[in-house]
Amino acid sequence: MPVVRDHSELVYRVAHQPSAAASSPVAASWRRCMTLHKLAPEEARTPLRLLDSEFLSVRERSGELLAEAGIELDRLFATVGKAGCCLLLTDNDGVALERRGAVGDDADFRGVGLWSGTVWSEASVGTNGIGTAIADERAVVIQRDQHFLSRNIGLSCATAPIRDHRGRLAAAIDISTCRDDASEITMSILSQAVRDAAARIEAGLFRRAFAGARIVLVPVDRAGPALLAVGRDDLVLGATRAARQWLDLDDKRIAAGVPASDLLREDTSGDAAELPDAERAALRRVLSRANGNVSMAAELLGISRATLYRKMKRLSVN
């Protein structure tokens, strides 16, 4: 098996060069697989597979992710499924929770372990799209002989990580193909498609987590959705990872209370001058909801009709 031998020799040679590992993410992954996970590229190993009970337990823990990602998986598979591609959605440990694939391709993908319940971490099968995207926490393309194990060099994978509402790694979505004509351009297109799907799933998870809040899009040129969840008092309740990076936010700062208008550099000159404006806006909103009926508006506010009239006069609200 000269191809397997040649690939194994390449992995050993590159992985033992510190300079290569420092300059190449793939070489760095190969080195991790050998030194940290004690794997050998010539091993004829397949991905670990969970017991049925273990798999059900993992799926239950990922209920919200599965509910949010289902539509995106279907949409993405409708685009790439006929091109001989398989889709996997995994948790943050690389366990394949959901799969999409054409029946005619099932034998090939099942043979290499691209199936629900398998574990595609680097510790399980070395350098691969899912495991390396999780380890590096970034989108990756691992094409053919960039895989660590020689038995996987027929695969090409494009994977993107998915983060939860606090910016932590939660999952990964992967497109894999066994086609030997999958060019760099093809994989680049698939990579963009999988990154777009990951961003939509991430945004959906964020909206689920802050269902009662106002969601604000932060205008930044950055990968991933930059969203803020803002409460009725204009304080930030949550932020996606992209928004956290751009606005220098973390859990501690969010818990302390940060006005969204401050973060977005809106005009906040003088809190004392701001209070009447905020009160005036609140009165106008309530009057609008009451269709201009002062009695109904006063009832909504929990104050007397006379008090509301005084406030309206003081704030010049007609």
Protein backbone atom coordinates (compact mmCIF):
# COMPACT_ATOMS: atom_id res chain seq x y z
CA MET A 1 0.00 0.00 0.00
CA PRO A 2 2.44 2.68 -1.22
CA VAL A 3 -0.05 5.57 -0.94
CA VAL A 4 -0.66 4.84 2.75
CA ARG A 5 3.08 4.44 3.40
CA ASP A 6 3.92 7.67 1.59
CA HIS A 7 1.28 9.62 3.50
CA SER A 8 2.39 8.20 6.86
CA GLU A 9 6.01 9.10 6.12
CA LEU A 10 4.96 12.65 5.20
CA VAL A 11 3.03 13.04 8.46
CA TYR A 12 5.96 11.79 10.56
CA ARG A 13 8.43 14.04 8.76
CA VAL A 14 6.33 17.21 8.98
CA ALA A 15 5.03 16.62 12.52
CA HIS A 16 8.57 16.39 13.86
CA GLN A 17 9.51 19.81 12.45
CA PRO A 18 8.66 22.50 15.05
CA SER A 19 8.99 25.20 12.39
CA ALA A 20 6.31 23.52 10.24
CA ALA A 21 3.92 23.22 13.18
CA ALA A 22 4.40 26.89 13.98
CA SER A 23 3.58 28.05 10.45
CA SER A 24 0.90 25.57 9.36
CA PRO A 25 -2.38 24.81 11.21
CA VAL A 26 -2.47 21.37 9.57
CA ALA A 27 1.09 20.57 10.68
CA ALA A 28 0.25 21.83 14.18
CA SER A 29 -2.73 19.47 14.24
CA TRP A 30 -0.61 16.55 13.05
CA ARG A 31 1.84 17.27 15.85
CA ARG A 32 -1.00 17.37 18.42
CA CYS A 33 -2.30 14.04 17.19
CA MET A 34 1.09 12.39 17.69
CA THR A 35 2.25 14.03 20.92
CA LEU A 36 -1.01 14.73 22.76
CA HIS A 37 -3.33 12.00 21.50
CA LYS A 38 -0.64 9.36 20.84
CA LEU A 39 -2.01 8.45 17.41
CA ALA A 40 -0.13 6.99 14.45
CA PRO A 41 -1.10 7.92 10.86
CA GLU A 42 -0.92 4.32 9.62
CA GLU A 43 -3.47 3.07 12.19
CA ALA A 44 -6.54 1.49 10.62
CA ARG A 45 -8.86 3.06 13.17
CA THR A 46 -12.42 4.22 12.69
CA PRO A 47 -14.21 6.90 14.73
CA LEU A 48 -15.37 5.90 18.18
CA ARG A 49 -19.09 5.13 18.22
CA LEU A 50 -21.32 5.83 21.21
CA LEU A 51 -23.65 3.24 22.67
CA ASP A 52 -27.31 3.89 21.88
CA SER A 53 -27.99 4.99 25.47
CA GLU A 54 -25.01 7.36 25.43
CA PHE A 55 -26.08 8.81 22.09
CA LEU A 56 -29.64 9.45 23.30
CA SER A 57 -28.28 11.22 26.38
CA VAL A 58 -26.04 13.46 24.26
CA ARG A 59 -28.93 14.34 21.95
CA GLU A 60 -31.15 15.25 24.90
CA ARG A 61 -28.51 17.68 26.16
CA SER A 62 -28.41 19.27 22.71
CA GLY A 63 -32.16 19.69 22.30
CA GLU A 64 -32.16 23.43 21.58
CA LEU A 65 -29.29 23.07 19.12
CA LEU A 66 -31.09 20.32 17.22
CA ALA A 67 -34.33 22.31 17.13
CA GLU A 68 -32.57 25.36 15.76
CA ALA A 69 -30.27 23.59 13.29
CA GLY A 70 -32.75 21.27 11.59
CA ILE A 71 -34.02 23.80 9.06
CA GLU A 72 -30.49 24.91 8.20
CA LEU A 73 -29.34 21.34 7.66
CA ASP A 74 -32.27 20.69 5.34
CA ARG A 75 -31.64 23.93 3.44
CA LEU A 76 -27.93 23.23 3.05
CA PHE A 77 -28.47 19.62 2.01
CA ALA A 78 -30.95 20.71 -0.65
CA THR A 79 -28.08 22.73 -2.15
CA VAL A 80 -25.14 20.30 -1.89
CA GLY A 81 -26.71 16.86 -1.41
CA LYS A 82 -26.84 15.97 -5.10
CA ALA A 83 -23.13 16.74 -5.44
CA GLY A 84 -22.19 13.70 -3.37
CA CYS A 85 -21.88 15.52 -0.05
CA CYS A 86 -22.75 14.45 3.45
CA LEU A 87 -23.68 16.86 6.27
CA LEU A 88 -22.99 16.33 9.96
CA LEU A 89 -24.00 18.42 12.95
CA THR A 90 -21.90 17.65 16.02
CA ASP A 91 -21.74 18.81 19.62
CA ASN A 92 -18.62 20.46 21.03
CA ASP A 93 -17.03 17.04 21.63
CA GLY A 94 -17.33 16.07 17.97
CA VAL A 95 -20.23 13.63 18.46
CA ALA A 96 -22.32 13.47 15.28
CA LEU A 97 -25.86 14.36 16.40
CA GLU A 98 -27.59 14.74 13.03
CA ARG A 99 -26.73 13.64 9.52
CA ARG A 100 -27.96 14.39 6.03
CA GLY A 101 -26.93 12.28 3.04
CA ALA A 102 -28.27 10.79 -0.18
CA VAL A 103 -29.25 7.13 0.03
CA GLY A 104 -26.98 6.31 -2.90
CA ASP A 105 -23.95 7.63 -1.01
CA ASP A 106 -24.76 6.03 2.35
CA ALA A 107 -22.48 3.01 1.90
CA ASP A 108 -19.43 5.17 1.22
CA PHE A 109 -20.04 7.54 4.10
CA ARG A 110 -20.96 4.81 6.57
CA GLY A 111 -17.78 2.99 5.59
CA VAL A 112 -15.59 5.91 6.71
CA GLY A 113 -17.68 6.58 9.81
CA LEU A 114 -19.60 9.69 8.75
CA TRP A 115 -22.69 8.57 10.61
CA SER A 116 -24.81 9.59 13.59
CA GLY A 117 -23.33 8.59 16.94
CA THR A 118 -19.69 8.60 15.82
CA VAL A 119 -17.04 10.81 17.43
CA TRP A 120 -14.96 12.99 15.08
CA SER A 121 -12.66 14.64 17.61
CA GLU A 122 -8.93 14.82 16.94
CA ALA A 123 -8.41 12.38 19.82
CA SER A 124 -10.64 9.87 18.03
CA VAL A 125 -9.46 10.07 14.41
CA GLY A 126 -6.74 12.69 14.23
CA THR A 127 -6.79 15.74 11.97
CA ASN A 128 -10.18 16.09 10.28
CA GLY A 129 -12.59 18.92 9.53
CA ILE A 130 -14.78 18.55 12.62
CA GLY A 131 -12.10 17.72 15.18
CA THR A 132 -9.68 20.38 13.99
CA ALA A 133 -12.37 23.08 13.75
CA ILE A 134 -13.29 22.30 17.38
CA ALA A 135 -9.66 22.20 18.53
CA ASP A 136 -8.76 25.48 16.79
CA GLU A 137 -12.23 27.06 17.29
CA ARG A 138 -12.30 28.33 13.72
CA ALA A 139 -13.64 27.32 10.31
CA VAL A 140 -11.34 24.91 8.47
CA VAL A 141 -11.03 23.00 5.23
CA ILE A 142 -9.20 19.66 5.53
CA GLN A 143 -8.69 18.25 2.08
CA ARG A 144 -7.68 14.67 1.30
CA ASP A 145 -4.02 14.13 2.38
CA GLN A 146 -4.27 16.89 4.99
CA HIS A 147 -6.06 14.32 7.17
CA PHE A 148 -3.86 12.68 9.80
CA LEU A 149 -4.94 9.08 9.29
CA SER A 150 -3.96 7.54 5.98
CA ARG A 151 -7.35 5.77 5.81
CA ASN A 152 -9.10 9.17 5.61
CA ILE A 153 -7.16 10.71 2.73
CA GLY A 154 -10.07 10.06 0.37
CA LEU A 155 -12.17 12.63 2.26
CA SER A 156 -12.44 16.38 1.85
CA CYS A 157 -14.19 18.34 4.63
CA ALA A 158 -15.33 21.92 5.24
CA THR A 159 -16.37 22.67 8.81
CA ALA A 160 -17.43 25.71 10.84
CA PRO A 161 -17.85 26.00 14.62
CA ILE A 162 -21.13 27.17 16.18
CA ARG A 163 -21.17 29.21 19.41
CA ASP A 164 -23.83 29.53 22.07
CA HIS A 165 -25.43 32.73 23.39
CA ARG A 166 -22.41 33.43 25.60
CA GLY A 167 -19.87 33.02 22.83
CA ARG A 168 -18.71 29.58 23.92
CA LEU A 169 -18.07 26.75 21.48
CA ALA A 170 -21.25 24.68 21.33
CA ALA A 171 -21.20 22.65 18.12
CA ALA A 172 -19.84 22.26 14.60
CA ILE A 173 -21.42 21.81 11.18
CA ASP A 174 -19.56 19.90 8.48
CA ILE A 175 -19.81 19.15 4.76
CA SER A 176 -17.78 16.12 3.65
CA THR A 177 -17.30 14.49 0.28
CA CYS A 178 -15.54 11.36 -0.94
CA ARG A 179 -15.25 12.66 -4.51
CA ASP A 180 -11.71 12.71 -5.84
CA ASP A 181 -12.48 15.71 -8.05
CA ALA A 182 -13.25 18.04 -5.13
CA SER A 183 -10.99 20.96 -6.06
CA GLU A 184 -9.76 23.78 -3.83
CA ILE A 185 -12.29 26.10 -5.47
CA THR A 186 -15.12 23.64 -4.77
CA MET A 187 -14.06 23.29 -1.13
CA SER A 188 -13.82 27.07 -0.80
CA ILE A 189 -17.43 27.41 -1.99
CA LEU A 190 -18.56 24.66 0.41
CA SER A 191 -16.67 26.35 3.23
CA GLN A 192 -18.53 29.61 2.67
CA ALA A 193 -21.84 27.75 2.58
CA VAL A 194 -21.12 25.97 5.86
CA ARG A 195 -19.94 29.19 7.54
CA ASP A 196 -23.13 30.97 6.49
CA ALA A 197 -25.23 28.11 7.87
CA ALA A 198 -23.27 28.16 11.15
CA ALA A 199 -23.83 31.93 11.48
CA ARG A 200 -27.60 31.52 10.99
CA ILE A 201 -27.77 28.72 13.57
CA GLU A 202 -25.71 30.80 16.01
CA ALA A 203 -28.00 33.80 15.55
CA GLY A 204 -31.05 31.58 16.06
CA LEU A 205 -29.63 30.15 19.29
CA PHE A 206 -28.96 33.67 20.52
CA ARG A 207 -32.52 34.81 19.80
CA ARG A 208 -33.87 31.73 21.59
CA ALA A 209 -31.79 32.49 24.67
CA PHE A 210 -33.05 36.10 24.79
CA ALA A 211 -36.57 35.65 23.48
CA GLY A 212 -38.02 38.60 25.41
CA ALA A 213 -35.24 41.07 24.59
CA ARG A 214 -34.68 43.52 21.77
CA ILE A 215 -32.00 42.14 19.41
CA VAL A 216 -29.63 44.75 18.01
CA LEU A 217 -27.30 44.11 15.08
CA VAL A 218 -23.86 45.62 15.67
CA PRO A 219 -22.52 47.01 12.36
CA VAL A 220 -19.10 45.34 12.20
CA ASP A 221 -17.13 43.67 9.44
CA ARG A 222 -16.43 40.44 11.28
CA ALA A 223 -17.12 36.74 10.88
CA GLY A 224 -20.18 35.54 12.73
CA PRO A 225 -23.32 37.40 13.77
CA ALA A 226 -22.55 40.47 15.94
CA LEU A 227 -25.73 40.73 18.02
CA LEU A 228 -26.69 42.34 21.32
CA ALA A 229 -29.70 41.43 23.46
CA VAL A 230 -30.99 44.63 25.08
CA GLY A 231 -33.55 44.92 27.90
CA ARG A 232 -36.29 47.51 28.29
CA ASP A 233 -33.96 49.68 30.36
CA ASP A 234 -31.37 49.77 27.51
CA LEU A 235 -28.96 47.52 29.44
CA VAL A 236 -27.17 44.77 27.52
CA LEU A 237 -28.37 41.31 28.57
CA GLY A 238 -26.16 39.29 26.25
CA ALA A 239 -23.84 39.41 23.26
CA THR A 240 -22.59 36.99 20.62
CA ARG A 241 -18.89 36.26 20.35
CA ALA A 242 -18.39 38.66 17.43
CA ALA A 243 -20.11 41.46 19.37
CA ARG A 244 -18.08 40.66 22.48
CA GLN A 245 -14.83 40.88 20.57
CA TRP A 246 -15.75 44.11 18.79
CA LEU A 247 -17.16 45.86 21.86
CA ASP A 248 -14.74 44.42 24.44
CA LEU A 249 -17.49 42.67 26.39
CA ASP A 250 -17.34 39.72 28.74
CA ASP A 251 -19.73 38.04 31.20
CA LYS A 252 -18.53 40.18 34.11
CA ARG A 253 -19.04 43.47 32.28
CA ILE A 254 -22.47 42.40 31.02
CA ALA A 255 -23.53 41.34 34.53
CA ALA A 256 -22.44 44.73 35.89
CA GLY A 257 -24.81 46.48 33.48
CA VAL A 258 -23.77 48.28 30.31
CA PRO A 259 -26.10 50.69 28.44
CA ALA A 260 -26.39 49.66 24.80
CA SER A 261 -26.36 53.31 23.74
CA ASP A 262 -22.92 53.72 25.36
CA LEU A 263 -21.53 50.70 23.54
CA LEU A 264 -22.92 51.83 20.21
CA ARG A 265 -21.57 55.36 20.72
CA GLU A 266 -24.96 57.01 20.56
CA ASP A 267 -25.36 60.53 21.97
CA THR A 268 -25.43 60.08 25.75
CA SER A 269 -24.37 63.57 26.84
CA GLY A 270 -25.87 64.34 30.23
CA ASP A 271 -28.03 61.75 31.96
CA ALA A 272 -30.11 64.51 33.54
CA ALA A 273 -31.00 65.87 30.10
CA GLU A 274 -31.74 62.33 28.92
CA LEU A 275 -34.35 61.49 31.55
CA PRO A 276 -37.11 63.81 30.27
CA ASP A 277 -36.55 62.54 26.74
CA ALA A 278 -36.86 58.94 27.91
CA GLU A 279 -40.01 59.73 29.92
CA ARG A 280 -41.52 61.63 26.99
CA ALA A 281 -40.83 58.67 24.65
CA ALA A 282 -42.38 56.27 27.16
CA LEU A 283 -45.54 58.39 27.41
CA ARG A 284 -45.85 58.58 23.65
CA ARG A 285 -45.53 54.81 23.32
CA VAL A 286 -48.27 54.18 25.89
CA LEU A 287 -50.58 56.79 24.32
CA SER A 288 -50.00 55.21 20.94
CA ARG A 289 -50.92 51.77 22.28
CA ALA A 290 -54.08 53.30 23.79
CA ASN A 291 -54.93 54.97 20.46
CA GLY A 292 -54.76 58.38 22.17
CA ASN A 293 -57.22 57.45 24.92
CA VAL A 294 -55.83 59.21 28.02
CA SER A 295 -57.93 57.23 30.48
CA MET A 296 -56.76 53.93 29.01
CA ALA A 297 -53.14 55.12 28.94
CA ALA A 298 -53.33 56.17 32.60
CA GLU A 299 -54.68 52.72 33.48
CA LEU A 300 -51.85 51.04 31.59
CA LEU A 301 -49.33 53.16 33.49
CA GLY A 302 -51.01 52.57 36.83
CA ILE A 303 -51.51 56.29 37.55
CA SER A 304 -54.50 58.62 37.74
CA ARG A 305 -55.82 60.48 34.69
CA ALA A 306 -54.98 63.82 36.39
CA THR A 307 -51.39 62.73 37.04
CA LEU A 308 -50.99 61.69 33.41
CA TYR A 309 -52.29 65.06 32.22
CA ARG A 310 -49.74 66.83 34.47
CA LYS A 311 -46.92 64.71 33.07
CA MET A 312 -48.08 65.39 29.52
CA LYS A 313 -48.16 69.11 30.17
CA ARG A 314 -44.72 69.12 31.81
CA LEU A 315 -43.16 67.13 28.97
CA SER A 316 -45.06 68.94 26.18
CA VAL A 317 -46.77 65.78 25.00
CA ASN A 318 -49.92 66.47 23.03
